[in-house]
N, C-alpha and C. Protein backbone atom coordinates (compact mmCIF):
# COMPACT_ATOMS: atom_id res chain seq x y z
N MET A 1 22.59 -13.72 -5.31
CA MET A 1 22.89 -15.02 -4.57
C MET A 1 22.31 -16.21 -5.19
N THR A 2 23.15 -17.25 -5.29
CA THR A 2 22.81 -18.52 -5.80
C THR A 2 23.11 -19.56 -4.88
N LYS A 3 22.18 -20.33 -4.70
CA LYS A 3 22.53 -21.58 -3.76
C LYS A 3 23.08 -22.77 -4.62
N LEU A 4 24.16 -23.36 -4.19
CA LEU A 4 24.83 -24.43 -5.16
C LEU A 4 25.16 -25.67 -4.20
N MET A 5 24.84 -26.70 -4.79
CA MET A 5 25.18 -28.01 -4.09
C MET A 5 26.65 -28.22 -4.06
N ILE A 6 27.16 -28.76 -3.15
CA ILE A 6 28.70 -28.86 -2.93
C ILE A 6 29.36 -29.56 -4.22
N ASP A 7 28.54 -30.55 -4.78
CA ASP A 7 29.03 -31.23 -5.91
C ASP A 7 29.27 -30.31 -7.06
N ALA A 8 28.51 -29.21 -7.24
CA ALA A 8 28.56 -28.27 -8.38
C ALA A 8 29.44 -27.21 -8.16
N LEU A 9 30.16 -27.09 -7.10
CA LEU A 9 31.10 -26.08 -6.72
C LEU A 9 32.48 -26.26 -7.51
N THR A 10 33.13 -25.15 -7.98
CA THR A 10 34.31 -25.21 -8.61
C THR A 10 35.21 -24.23 -7.88
N PRO A 11 36.52 -24.41 -8.01
CA PRO A 11 37.46 -23.50 -7.34
C PRO A 11 37.28 -22.12 -7.94
N GLY A 12 37.34 -20.99 -7.06
CA GLY A 12 37.29 -19.78 -7.70
C GLY A 12 35.89 -19.11 -7.40
N VAL A 13 34.86 -19.82 -7.04
CA VAL A 13 33.60 -19.15 -6.66
C VAL A 13 33.59 -18.52 -5.34
N ILE A 14 32.82 -17.31 -5.24
CA ILE A 14 32.90 -16.57 -4.08
C ILE A 14 31.70 -16.72 -3.18
N LEU A 15 31.90 -16.92 -1.89
CA LEU A 15 30.76 -17.14 -1.12
C LEU A 15 30.02 -15.91 -0.86
N ASP A 16 28.64 -15.99 -0.90
CA ASP A 16 27.88 -14.81 -0.77
C ASP A 16 27.46 -14.77 0.77
N GLU A 17 27.38 -15.80 1.45
CA GLU A 17 27.15 -15.88 3.00
C GLU A 17 28.15 -16.87 3.57
N ALA A 18 28.34 -16.56 4.82
CA ALA A 18 29.30 -17.42 5.51
C ALA A 18 28.72 -18.75 5.69
N VAL A 19 29.61 -19.80 5.62
CA VAL A 19 29.41 -21.21 5.95
C VAL A 19 29.44 -21.36 7.37
N LYS A 20 28.45 -21.94 8.03
CA LYS A 20 28.42 -22.18 9.49
C LYS A 20 28.04 -23.65 9.73
N ASN A 21 28.46 -24.06 10.83
CA ASN A 21 28.04 -25.42 11.26
C ASN A 21 26.76 -25.43 11.95
N ALA A 22 26.44 -26.48 12.48
CA ALA A 22 24.97 -26.65 13.25
C ALA A 22 24.93 -25.69 14.43
N ASN A 23 26.03 -25.50 15.05
CA ASN A 23 26.23 -24.66 16.25
C ASN A 23 26.40 -23.12 15.90
N GLY A 24 26.34 -22.68 14.66
CA GLY A 24 26.49 -21.42 14.19
C GLY A 24 27.96 -20.91 14.13
N THR A 25 28.80 -21.69 14.46
CA THR A 25 30.22 -21.37 14.25
C THR A 25 30.67 -21.08 12.71
N VAL A 26 31.31 -20.03 12.41
CA VAL A 26 31.68 -19.59 11.13
C VAL A 26 32.75 -20.51 10.85
N LEU A 27 32.54 -21.34 9.53
CA LEU A 27 33.63 -22.32 9.08
C LEU A 27 34.45 -21.65 8.09
N ILE A 28 33.81 -20.83 7.12
CA ILE A 28 34.22 -20.16 6.12
C ILE A 28 33.59 -18.79 5.91
N PRO A 29 34.28 -17.59 6.05
CA PRO A 29 33.52 -16.37 5.99
C PRO A 29 32.88 -15.94 4.65
N ALA A 30 31.91 -15.12 4.74
CA ALA A 30 31.30 -14.58 3.48
C ALA A 30 32.43 -13.96 2.66
N GLY A 31 32.42 -14.02 1.41
CA GLY A 31 33.42 -13.22 0.52
C GLY A 31 34.55 -14.02 0.28
N ALA A 32 34.82 -15.12 0.85
CA ALA A 32 35.98 -16.02 0.61
C ALA A 32 35.72 -16.61 -0.79
N GLU A 33 36.99 -16.61 -1.44
CA GLU A 33 37.14 -17.47 -2.83
C GLU A 33 37.44 -18.72 -2.51
N LEU A 34 36.61 -19.75 -2.91
CA LEU A 34 36.80 -21.08 -2.60
C LEU A 34 37.99 -21.82 -3.31
N SER A 35 38.80 -22.70 -2.63
CA SER A 35 39.84 -23.37 -3.24
C SER A 35 39.35 -24.84 -3.33
N GLU A 36 40.17 -25.71 -3.83
CA GLU A 36 39.90 -27.16 -3.89
C GLU A 36 39.94 -27.63 -2.56
N LYS A 37 40.79 -27.09 -1.69
CA LYS A 37 40.82 -27.49 -0.17
C LYS A 37 39.48 -27.19 0.47
N HIS A 38 39.04 -25.96 0.32
CA HIS A 38 37.69 -25.58 0.96
C HIS A 38 36.66 -26.61 0.58
N ILE A 39 36.57 -26.84 -0.78
CA ILE A 39 35.59 -27.75 -1.14
C ILE A 39 35.67 -29.26 -0.47
N ARG A 40 36.76 -29.64 -0.47
CA ARG A 40 36.99 -30.96 0.26
C ARG A 40 36.53 -30.83 1.65
N ALA A 41 36.95 -29.69 2.33
CA ALA A 41 36.68 -29.53 3.77
C ALA A 41 35.14 -29.46 3.98
N LEU A 42 34.45 -28.73 2.98
CA LEU A 42 32.97 -28.78 3.11
C LEU A 42 32.36 -30.02 2.96
N LYS A 43 32.80 -30.94 2.22
CA LYS A 43 32.20 -32.32 2.05
C LYS A 43 32.54 -33.00 3.34
N MET A 44 33.67 -32.84 3.97
CA MET A 44 33.95 -33.69 5.06
C MET A 44 33.18 -33.15 6.27
N TRP A 45 32.84 -31.81 6.39
CA TRP A 45 31.93 -31.30 7.35
C TRP A 45 30.50 -31.62 7.16
N GLY A 46 30.14 -32.18 6.15
CA GLY A 46 28.83 -32.63 5.83
C GLY A 46 27.89 -31.37 5.34
N ILE A 47 28.51 -30.30 4.84
CA ILE A 47 27.74 -29.16 4.30
C ILE A 47 27.16 -29.64 2.98
N VAL A 48 25.83 -29.33 2.77
CA VAL A 48 25.19 -29.84 1.66
C VAL A 48 25.20 -28.95 0.43
N ALA A 49 24.96 -27.57 0.82
CA ALA A 49 24.88 -26.45 -0.22
C ALA A 49 25.33 -25.25 0.41
N VAL A 50 25.87 -24.29 -0.40
CA VAL A 50 26.32 -22.96 0.02
C VAL A 50 25.79 -21.97 -0.87
N SER A 51 25.73 -20.59 -0.34
CA SER A 51 25.38 -19.53 -1.12
C SER A 51 26.49 -18.87 -1.71
N VAL A 52 26.58 -18.77 -3.10
CA VAL A 52 27.59 -18.09 -3.76
C VAL A 52 27.16 -16.99 -4.64
N LYS A 53 28.04 -15.98 -4.86
CA LYS A 53 27.68 -14.88 -5.72
C LYS A 53 27.49 -15.39 -7.04
N SER A 54 26.45 -14.76 -7.79
CA SER A 54 26.18 -15.11 -9.22
C SER A 54 27.16 -14.56 -10.09
N ALA A 55 27.32 -14.96 -11.34
CA ALA A 55 28.28 -14.63 -12.24
C ALA A 55 28.20 -13.09 -12.41
N ASP A 56 26.99 -12.55 -12.36
CA ASP A 56 26.88 -10.94 -12.62
C ASP A 56 27.52 -10.26 -11.36
N GLN A 57 27.32 -10.84 -10.16
CA GLN A 57 28.07 -10.26 -9.00
C GLN A 57 29.48 -10.40 -8.96
N ASN A 58 30.06 -11.44 -9.47
CA ASN A 58 31.44 -11.76 -9.62
C ASN A 58 32.25 -10.89 -10.66
N ALA A 59 31.33 -10.61 -11.60
CA ALA A 59 32.06 -9.89 -12.97
C ALA A 59 32.65 -8.62 -12.41
N ASP A 60 32.06 -7.74 -11.61
CA ASP A 60 32.77 -6.49 -11.38
C ASP A 60 33.79 -6.69 -10.53
N GLY A 61 33.76 -7.57 -9.49
CA GLY A 61 34.87 -7.82 -8.62
C GLY A 61 36.00 -8.38 -9.29
N ASP A 62 35.78 -9.29 -10.24
CA ASP A 62 36.94 -9.71 -11.03
C ASP A 62 37.64 -8.67 -11.91
N ALA A 63 36.86 -7.79 -12.42
CA ALA A 63 37.61 -6.69 -13.27
C ALA A 63 38.30 -5.66 -12.31
N ALA A 64 37.82 -5.40 -11.23
CA ALA A 64 38.50 -4.62 -10.28
C ALA A 64 39.80 -5.26 -9.62
N ALA A 65 39.92 -6.67 -9.63
CA ALA A 65 41.04 -7.36 -9.20
C ALA A 65 42.05 -7.32 -10.17
N VAL A 66 41.92 -7.00 -11.39
CA VAL A 66 42.94 -7.08 -12.40
C VAL A 66 43.45 -5.58 -12.71
N SER A 67 44.61 -5.47 -13.01
CA SER A 67 45.04 -4.09 -13.24
C SER A 67 44.62 -3.66 -14.79
N PRO A 68 44.42 -2.33 -15.04
CA PRO A 68 44.02 -1.93 -16.31
C PRO A 68 45.01 -2.34 -17.37
N VAL A 69 46.26 -2.33 -17.04
CA VAL A 69 47.29 -2.62 -18.09
C VAL A 69 47.25 -4.11 -18.36
N SER A 70 47.16 -4.95 -17.46
CA SER A 70 47.02 -6.36 -17.84
C SER A 70 45.65 -6.80 -18.56
N LEU A 71 44.68 -6.04 -18.21
CA LEU A 71 43.40 -6.17 -18.86
C LEU A 71 43.49 -5.95 -20.38
N GLU A 72 44.22 -4.69 -20.61
CA GLU A 72 44.39 -4.21 -22.12
C GLU A 72 45.24 -5.15 -22.74
N LYS A 73 46.36 -5.63 -22.13
CA LYS A 73 47.21 -6.58 -22.78
C LYS A 73 46.46 -7.89 -23.16
N ALA A 74 45.66 -8.44 -22.18
CA ALA A 74 44.79 -9.49 -22.40
C ALA A 74 44.00 -9.33 -23.57
N LYS A 75 43.17 -8.27 -23.57
CA LYS A 75 42.36 -8.05 -24.78
C LYS A 75 43.09 -8.16 -26.18
N ALA A 76 44.29 -7.44 -26.08
CA ALA A 76 45.02 -7.40 -27.27
C ALA A 76 45.49 -8.97 -27.71
N GLU A 77 45.84 -9.68 -26.74
CA GLU A 77 46.11 -11.12 -26.93
C GLU A 77 45.00 -11.88 -27.39
N LEU A 78 43.66 -11.57 -27.01
CA LEU A 78 42.54 -12.36 -27.47
C LEU A 78 41.83 -11.84 -28.72
N GLU A 79 42.37 -10.82 -29.31
CA GLU A 79 41.72 -10.25 -30.56
C GLU A 79 41.72 -11.38 -31.68
N ASP A 80 42.85 -12.15 -31.79
CA ASP A 80 42.82 -13.10 -32.83
C ASP A 80 41.71 -14.19 -32.62
N VAL A 81 41.75 -14.54 -31.26
CA VAL A 81 40.70 -15.74 -30.97
C VAL A 81 39.29 -15.22 -31.33
N PHE A 82 39.05 -13.93 -31.02
CA PHE A 82 37.64 -13.37 -31.35
C PHE A 82 37.58 -12.76 -32.72
N ALA A 83 38.42 -12.96 -33.49
CA ALA A 83 38.54 -12.27 -34.89
C ALA A 83 37.08 -12.34 -35.64
N LEU A 84 36.51 -13.61 -35.72
CA LEU A 84 35.44 -13.86 -36.45
C LEU A 84 34.23 -13.53 -35.72
N ALA A 85 34.26 -13.23 -34.42
CA ALA A 85 33.06 -12.88 -33.62
C ALA A 85 32.58 -11.50 -33.79
N ASN A 86 31.39 -11.25 -33.70
CA ASN A 86 30.86 -9.91 -33.76
C ASN A 86 30.80 -9.26 -32.20
N ILE A 87 31.90 -8.86 -31.77
CA ILE A 87 32.03 -8.39 -30.28
C ILE A 87 31.19 -7.09 -30.05
N GLU A 88 30.51 -6.55 -31.11
CA GLU A 88 29.49 -5.47 -30.94
C GLU A 88 28.35 -5.89 -30.21
N HIS A 89 28.03 -7.29 -30.46
CA HIS A 89 26.84 -7.86 -29.94
C HIS A 89 26.95 -7.97 -28.43
N PRO A 90 26.03 -7.60 -27.63
CA PRO A 90 26.00 -7.63 -26.23
C PRO A 90 26.54 -8.83 -25.57
N VAL A 91 25.97 -10.05 -26.00
CA VAL A 91 26.45 -11.32 -25.55
C VAL A 91 27.94 -11.69 -25.81
N MET A 92 28.37 -11.39 -27.11
CA MET A 92 29.75 -11.55 -27.39
C MET A 92 30.67 -10.52 -26.68
N ALA A 93 30.12 -9.54 -26.45
CA ALA A 93 30.96 -8.29 -25.75
C ALA A 93 31.16 -8.81 -24.47
N GLU A 94 30.17 -9.34 -23.76
CA GLU A 94 30.37 -9.83 -22.37
C GLU A 94 31.24 -11.12 -22.34
N ILE A 95 31.19 -11.87 -23.31
CA ILE A 95 31.97 -13.13 -23.29
C ILE A 95 33.40 -12.78 -23.53
N PHE A 96 33.79 -11.72 -24.42
CA PHE A 96 35.06 -11.18 -24.61
C PHE A 96 35.61 -10.53 -23.31
N LYS A 97 34.77 -9.79 -22.73
CA LYS A 97 35.23 -9.06 -21.35
C LYS A 97 35.67 -10.08 -20.26
N GLN A 98 34.76 -11.20 -20.15
CA GLN A 98 35.02 -12.14 -19.18
C GLN A 98 36.35 -13.06 -19.47
N ALA A 99 36.48 -13.37 -20.86
CA ALA A 99 37.67 -14.03 -21.29
C ALA A 99 38.84 -13.16 -21.03
N ALA A 100 38.75 -11.93 -21.30
CA ALA A 100 39.94 -11.04 -21.12
C ALA A 100 40.29 -11.00 -19.57
N ILE A 101 39.27 -10.84 -18.75
CA ILE A 101 39.51 -10.83 -17.34
C ILE A 101 40.15 -12.06 -16.83
N ARG A 102 39.66 -13.27 -17.26
CA ARG A 102 40.25 -14.48 -16.84
C ARG A 102 41.62 -14.56 -17.39
N HIS A 103 41.94 -14.17 -18.71
CA HIS A 103 43.22 -14.37 -19.22
C HIS A 103 44.17 -13.42 -18.39
N ALA A 104 43.73 -12.32 -18.22
CA ALA A 104 44.66 -11.28 -17.46
C ALA A 104 45.01 -11.86 -15.99
N ARG A 105 44.00 -12.41 -15.32
CA ARG A 105 44.13 -12.98 -13.98
C ARG A 105 45.22 -14.13 -14.05
N ASN A 106 45.04 -15.02 -15.15
CA ASN A 106 45.77 -16.25 -15.23
C ASN A 106 47.32 -16.00 -15.87
N SER A 107 47.52 -14.87 -16.39
CA SER A 107 48.76 -14.57 -16.93
C SER A 107 49.87 -14.13 -15.91
């Protein structure tokens, strides 16, 4: 769990905890993927910060949301982009994995 200020939010982040108003009414449930409209509403409601899932927590959920066929196609399309990178290195392997997931989701 990571606490982020509203100004640091970007569309696509996933809430780790429900956003509630001062009376305890749930405004946005936990697990919701924030859109631009959500972020604008949070600002209008006067919410200062929210708890979001960290990148590590989101990574598995993103991969599960993409079909294996789409993921393999995305990896093949990204091979040229990562041609000079050593994707055997753990950091580069993770960057390649996340790029493939994002590419598959957006294709």
